[in-house]
Amino acid sequence: MLRQTAVNICIATGMTLVVLTAGIDLSVGSILALCGAVAAGLLKNGIALQSSDTYIGFTILGVILAALIIGGLLGWFNGFVITKFKVPPFVATLAMLTIARGFTMLYTKGQPISNLGPDFAFIGAGSFLGIPVPVWIAAIVVLVAVIITRQTRLGRYIYAIGGNETAARFSGINISKVKMIVYSLAGAMAAVGGIIVTSRLDSAQPNAGASYELDAIAAVVIGGTSLSGGRGTILGTVMGAIIIGVLNNGLVLLNVSPFWQQVVKGGVILLAVIIDKLDKKE
């Protein structure tokens, strides 16, 4: 269960940071797919520079860093568009969802990149001290996010912006800088999820990560984070992700149709948002 939930925990943790600023990121699933595909492609094929007859190979650490950088840059671009051009987060990240998915199809030519080797597969399928490696990775991501939100100035700024952006601006907080950092972190955490998914499947699928953003948003709102921003915790999101994981597994074990599963998850998200709105009115 935890191995299956680890990817959503990573994505939802980044989503929580975004939602705390009263934003939203619909592009995390596509960023996951693109970063996973790039990691697989670099690991298997490297970079061949035909003009200079040069070949650049990549180690596992190298492809992980490359994926994290790409994810962070795509997230930064989301934040840049949102803050520089005042584009609503919903629209900006929806555009990135399509752009990143298109780049994934172009990079993979619509075909999976497979047979990545046992060392890379260990990331998604291996265990350390009896605990699956993806769970360790998710725990590290959560720990970093908890430290950011509870122990750093950035965390205080995130909550301040979500609570009242105008007041935060008058307090001297650089709103644009904080938002770009937050969206960059969300992109990097989506890249972590992409590495886990690609490693676990031993293949980078062009359509990987489809609808993952919905599960992430569901985990965030079920975990008690307000979509209006300024209120919520990372640990609450972890609990929300586990609940979504249990729900998904339960529906599968009950042989519920995949189409009805989407209906149920959509209803859960709607119910969580309604409860949040009613709670705020009280």
Protein backbone atom coordinates (compact mmCIF):
# COMPACT_ATOMS: atom_id res chain seq x y z
CA MET A 1 0.00 0.00 0.00
CA LEU A 2 2.70 2.49 0.95
CA ARG A 3 4.75 1.59 -2.14
CA GLN A 4 1.73 2.33 -4.33
CA THR A 5 0.94 5.54 -2.44
CA ALA A 6 4.52 6.90 -2.46
CA VAL A 7 4.20 8.56 -5.87
CA ASN A 8 1.01 10.39 -4.93
CA ILE A 9 2.57 11.47 -1.62
CA CYS A 10 5.48 13.08 -3.49
CA ILE A 11 3.22 14.87 -5.97
CA ALA A 12 0.63 15.88 -3.36
CA THR A 13 3.35 17.29 -1.08
CA GLY A 14 4.40 19.70 -3.84
CA MET A 15 0.75 20.42 -4.59
CA THR A 16 0.19 21.33 -0.93
CA LEU A 17 2.86 24.02 -1.07
CA VAL A 18 1.15 25.47 -4.15
CA VAL A 19 -2.36 25.31 -2.69
CA LEU A 20 -1.17 26.97 0.52
CA THR A 21 -0.42 30.05 -1.61
CA ALA A 22 -4.00 29.86 -2.98
CA GLY A 23 -2.72 28.44 -6.27
CA ILE A 24 -3.18 25.18 -8.16
CA ASP A 25 -0.93 23.07 -10.40
CA LEU A 26 -2.64 20.91 -13.02
CA SER A 27 0.60 20.12 -14.84
CA VAL A 28 2.23 17.75 -12.33
CA GLY A 29 1.11 14.58 -14.12
CA SER A 30 2.57 15.71 -17.44
CA ILE A 31 5.76 16.96 -15.79
CA LEU A 32 6.05 13.54 -14.14
CA ALA A 33 5.79 11.83 -17.53
CA LEU A 34 8.30 14.15 -19.23
CA CYS A 35 10.88 13.90 -16.46
CA GLY A 36 10.52 10.11 -16.33
CA ALA A 37 10.94 9.88 -20.10
CA VAL A 38 14.02 12.11 -20.11
CA ALA A 39 15.59 10.11 -17.28
CA ALA A 40 14.96 6.84 -19.13
CA GLY A 41 16.19 8.22 -22.44
CA LEU A 42 19.40 9.65 -21.01
CA LEU A 43 20.13 6.48 -19.05
CA LYS A 44 19.60 4.19 -22.01
CA ASN A 45 20.79 6.29 -24.94
CA GLY A 46 22.80 9.18 -23.50
CA ILE A 47 23.39 12.18 -25.75
CA ALA A 48 25.07 11.73 -29.12
CA LEU A 49 26.58 14.86 -30.68
CA GLN A 50 27.01 13.85 -34.31
CA SER A 51 28.60 17.13 -35.34
CA SER A 52 31.61 16.51 -33.07
CA ASP A 53 31.36 12.70 -33.01
CA THR A 54 30.88 12.81 -29.23
CA TYR A 55 28.81 10.60 -26.96
CA ILE A 56 27.79 11.64 -23.44
CA GLY A 57 26.70 8.85 -21.14
CA PHE A 58 24.78 9.27 -17.89
CA THR A 59 24.94 7.47 -14.56
CA ILE A 60 21.81 6.84 -12.50
CA LEU A 61 22.65 9.83 -10.29
CA GLY A 62 23.13 11.92 -13.42
CA VAL A 63 19.69 11.11 -14.85
CA ILE A 64 18.05 11.73 -11.47
CA LEU A 65 19.64 15.18 -11.27
CA ALA A 66 18.66 15.90 -14.88
CA ALA A 67 15.05 14.95 -14.17
CA LEU A 68 14.93 17.09 -11.02
CA ILE A 69 16.38 20.08 -12.86
CA ILE A 70 13.90 19.75 -15.72
CA GLY A 71 10.99 19.37 -13.31
CA GLY A 72 12.15 22.38 -11.32
CA LEU A 73 12.55 24.50 -14.46
CA LEU A 74 9.11 23.61 -15.76
CA GLY A 75 7.64 24.48 -12.36
CA TRP A 76 9.62 27.73 -12.33
CA PHE A 77 8.18 28.59 -15.73
CA ASN A 78 4.68 28.05 -14.33
CA GLY A 79 5.46 30.44 -11.49
CA PHE A 80 7.03 32.97 -13.87
CA VAL A 81 3.99 33.07 -16.15
CA ILE A 82 1.64 33.32 -13.18
CA THR A 83 3.51 36.16 -11.47
CA LYS A 84 4.94 38.07 -14.45
CA PHE A 85 1.89 38.05 -16.71
CA LYS A 86 -0.80 37.65 -14.01
CA VAL A 87 -2.16 34.52 -15.69
CA PRO A 88 -4.48 32.57 -13.37
CA PRO A 89 -2.72 29.45 -12.02
CA PHE A 90 -5.46 27.23 -13.41
CA VAL A 91 -4.89 28.49 -16.95
CA ALA A 92 -1.08 28.62 -16.79
CA THR A 93 -0.69 25.11 -15.43
CA LEU A 94 -3.37 23.74 -17.76
CA ALA A 95 -1.29 25.06 -20.65
CA MET A 96 1.83 23.45 -19.17
CA LEU A 97 -0.09 20.17 -18.85
CA THR A 98 -0.54 20.14 -22.63
CA ILE A 99 2.95 21.46 -23.41
CA ALA A 100 4.76 18.92 -21.22
CA ARG A 101 2.63 16.06 -22.55
CA GLY A 102 3.43 17.15 -26.10
CA PHE A 103 7.17 17.26 -25.35
CA THR A 104 6.90 13.78 -23.82
CA MET A 105 5.32 12.43 -27.01
CA LEU A 106 7.97 14.14 -29.13
CA TYR A 107 10.84 12.85 -27.00
CA THR A 108 9.58 9.27 -26.89
CA LYS A 109 8.08 9.34 -30.41
CA GLY A 110 5.00 7.85 -28.80
CA GLN A 111 6.86 4.67 -27.85
CA PRO A 112 7.89 3.42 -24.38
CA ILE A 113 11.57 3.47 -23.39
CA SER A 114 12.19 0.14 -21.65
CA ASN A 115 14.89 -2.18 -20.28
CA LEU A 116 16.61 0.35 -18.03
CA GLY A 117 18.59 -2.14 -15.97
CA PRO A 118 18.31 -3.67 -12.49
CA ASP A 119 20.17 -0.85 -10.74
CA PHE A 120 17.64 1.73 -11.87
CA ALA A 121 14.75 -0.67 -11.18
CA PHE A 122 15.90 -0.85 -7.55
CA ILE A 123 14.63 2.71 -7.01
CA GLY A 124 11.03 1.72 -7.64
CA ALA A 125 10.98 -1.98 -6.80
CA GLY A 126 13.75 -2.50 -4.23
CA SER A 127 13.72 -2.44 -0.45
CA PHE A 128 16.07 -1.09 2.21
CA LEU A 129 15.90 -2.39 5.78
CA GLY A 130 12.70 -4.18 4.83
CA ILE A 131 10.98 -0.98 3.71
CA PRO A 132 10.34 -0.27 0.00
CA VAL A 133 12.70 2.33 -1.46
CA PRO A 134 9.81 4.50 -2.77
CA VAL A 135 8.56 4.81 0.81
CA TRP A 136 12.00 6.06 1.93
CA ILE A 137 11.99 8.57 -0.93
CA ALA A 138 8.48 9.78 -0.08
CA ALA A 139 9.48 10.10 3.59
CA ILE A 140 12.46 12.28 2.65
CA VAL A 141 10.26 14.49 0.44
CA VAL A 142 7.72 14.87 3.26
CA LEU A 143 10.44 15.62 5.82
CA VAL A 144 11.92 18.35 3.62
CA ALA A 145 8.48 19.89 3.07
CA VAL A 146 7.64 19.76 6.78
CA ILE A 147 10.91 21.53 7.62
CA ILE A 148 10.20 24.16 4.96
CA THR A 149 6.68 24.88 6.19
CA ARG A 150 7.41 24.77 9.92
CA GLN A 151 11.00 25.91 10.38
CA THR A 152 11.87 28.37 7.61
CA ARG A 153 11.07 31.90 6.60
CA LEU A 154 9.86 30.59 3.24
CA GLY A 155 7.24 28.51 5.03
CA ARG A 156 5.95 31.53 6.94
CA TYR A 157 5.79 33.50 3.70
CA ILE A 158 3.82 30.70 2.00
CA TYR A 159 1.15 30.74 4.70
CA ALA A 160 1.10 34.55 4.75
CA ILE A 161 0.54 34.78 1.00
CA GLY A 162 -2.25 32.22 1.10
CA GLY A 163 -3.88 33.89 4.07
CA ASN A 164 -3.89 37.42 2.66
CA GLU A 165 -1.73 38.20 -0.36
CA THR A 166 -2.33 41.95 -0.16
CA ALA A 167 -1.27 42.11 3.48
CA ALA A 168 1.75 39.94 2.70
CA ARG A 169 2.81 42.33 -0.06
CA PHE A 170 2.48 45.34 2.24
CA SER A 171 4.58 43.43 4.79
CA GLY A 172 7.46 43.46 2.33
CA ILE A 173 7.24 39.83 1.14
CA ASN A 174 8.43 39.28 -2.42
CA ILE A 175 5.28 37.52 -3.67
CA SER A 176 6.65 36.69 -7.12
CA LYS A 177 9.85 35.14 -5.78
CA VAL A 178 8.01 32.96 -3.25
CA LYS A 179 5.50 31.72 -5.81
CA MET A 180 8.22 30.85 -8.33
CA ILE A 181 10.08 28.90 -5.65
CA VAL A 182 6.90 27.06 -4.65
CA TYR A 183 6.00 26.09 -8.21
CA SER A 184 9.61 25.03 -8.81
CA LEU A 185 9.44 22.75 -5.76
CA ALA A 186 6.16 21.29 -7.02
CA GLY A 187 7.77 20.55 -10.40
CA ALA A 188 10.80 18.94 -8.75
CA MET A 189 8.59 16.74 -6.56
CA ALA A 190 6.63 15.68 -9.65
CA ALA A 191 9.98 14.72 -11.18
CA VAL A 192 10.70 12.55 -8.14
CA GLY A 193 7.39 10.81 -8.75
CA GLY A 194 8.34 10.37 -12.41
CA ILE A 195 11.60 8.65 -11.47
CA ILE A 196 9.77 6.27 -9.11
CA VAL A 197 7.09 5.40 -11.69
CA THR A 198 9.61 4.87 -14.49
CA SER A 199 11.84 2.75 -12.27
CA ARG A 200 8.98 0.64 -10.96
CA LEU A 201 7.68 -0.11 -14.46
CA ASP A 202 11.21 -0.42 -15.89
CA SER A 203 9.78 1.69 -18.69
CA ALA A 204 8.96 5.31 -19.48
CA GLN A 205 5.45 5.40 -20.89
CA PRO A 206 4.38 8.42 -22.98
CA ASN A 207 1.00 8.50 -21.23
CA ALA A 208 2.40 8.09 -17.71
CA GLY A 209 0.95 10.34 -15.04
CA ALA A 210 -2.43 10.82 -16.70
CA SER A 211 -4.92 12.14 -14.12
CA TYR A 212 -2.29 12.03 -11.36
CA GLU A 213 -3.00 15.68 -10.66
CA LEU A 214 -6.54 14.73 -9.65
CA ASP A 215 -5.34 12.23 -7.05
CA ALA A 216 -2.87 14.82 -5.76
CA ILE A 217 -5.55 17.49 -5.42
CA ALA A 218 -7.84 14.96 -3.75
CA ALA A 219 -5.12 14.09 -1.22
CA VAL A 220 -4.57 17.79 -0.49
CA VAL A 221 -8.21 18.68 0.12
CA ILE A 222 -9.00 15.47 2.03
CA GLY A 223 -5.94 16.21 4.17
CA GLY A 224 -7.50 19.47 5.30
CA THR A 225 -5.66 22.04 3.17
CA SER A 226 -7.95 24.87 2.13
CA LEU A 227 -8.12 25.57 -1.61
CA SER A 228 -8.39 29.23 -0.64
CA GLY A 229 -4.86 29.04 0.75
CA GLY A 230 -3.22 29.81 4.07
CA ARG A 231 -4.44 26.76 5.99
CA GLY A 232 -3.29 23.14 5.95
CA THR A 233 -0.37 20.84 6.75
CA ILE A 234 1.93 18.46 4.91
CA LEU A 235 1.17 15.62 7.31
CA GLY A 236 -2.54 16.11 6.66
CA THR A 237 -1.83 15.68 2.95
CA VAL A 238 0.07 12.45 3.67
CA MET A 239 -3.00 11.11 5.45
CA GLY A 240 -5.14 12.24 2.54
CA ALA A 241 -2.88 10.41 0.08
CA ILE A 242 -3.10 7.24 2.16
CA ILE A 243 -6.90 7.53 2.23
CA ILE A 244 -6.95 7.91 -1.57
CA GLY A 245 -4.65 4.88 -1.86
CA VAL A 246 -6.93 2.79 0.37
CA LEU A 247 -9.95 3.98 -1.63
CA ASN A 248 -8.32 3.06 -4.95
CA ASN A 249 -7.28 -0.37 -3.72
CA GLY A 250 -10.65 -1.01 -2.11
CA LEU A 251 -12.53 -0.17 -5.30
CA VAL A 252 -10.27 -2.48 -7.31
CA LEU A 253 -10.69 -5.34 -4.82
CA LEU A 254 -14.46 -4.85 -5.00
CA ASN A 255 -14.25 -5.13 -8.81
CA VAL A 256 -15.72 -1.68 -9.24
CA SER A 257 -15.55 -0.44 -12.83
CA PRO A 258 -12.69 2.02 -13.54
CA PHE A 259 -15.31 4.46 -14.82
CA TRP A 260 -17.17 4.36 -11.52
CA GLN A 261 -13.87 4.78 -9.70
CA GLN A 262 -13.46 8.16 -11.40
CA VAL A 263 -16.98 9.09 -10.34
CA VAL A 264 -16.30 8.14 -6.73
CA LYS A 265 -12.99 10.05 -6.57
CA GLY A 266 -14.61 13.11 -8.12
CA GLY A 267 -17.38 12.93 -5.55
CA VAL A 268 -14.85 12.64 -2.72
CA ILE A 269 -13.02 15.76 -3.95
CA LEU A 270 -16.30 17.70 -4.21
CA LEU A 271 -17.39 16.58 -0.75
CA ALA A 272 -14.05 17.60 0.79
CA VAL A 273 -14.24 21.06 -0.80
CA ILE A 274 -17.85 21.55 0.36
CA ILE A 275 -16.87 20.60 3.92
CA ASP A 276 -13.95 23.06 3.76
CA LYS A 277 -16.25 25.87 2.60
CA LEU A 278 -18.82 25.13 5.32
CA ASP A 279 -16.08 25.01 7.93
CA LYS A 280 -14.79 28.43 6.86
CA LYS A 281 -18.27 29.95 7.10
CA GLU A 282 -18.57 28.73 10.68
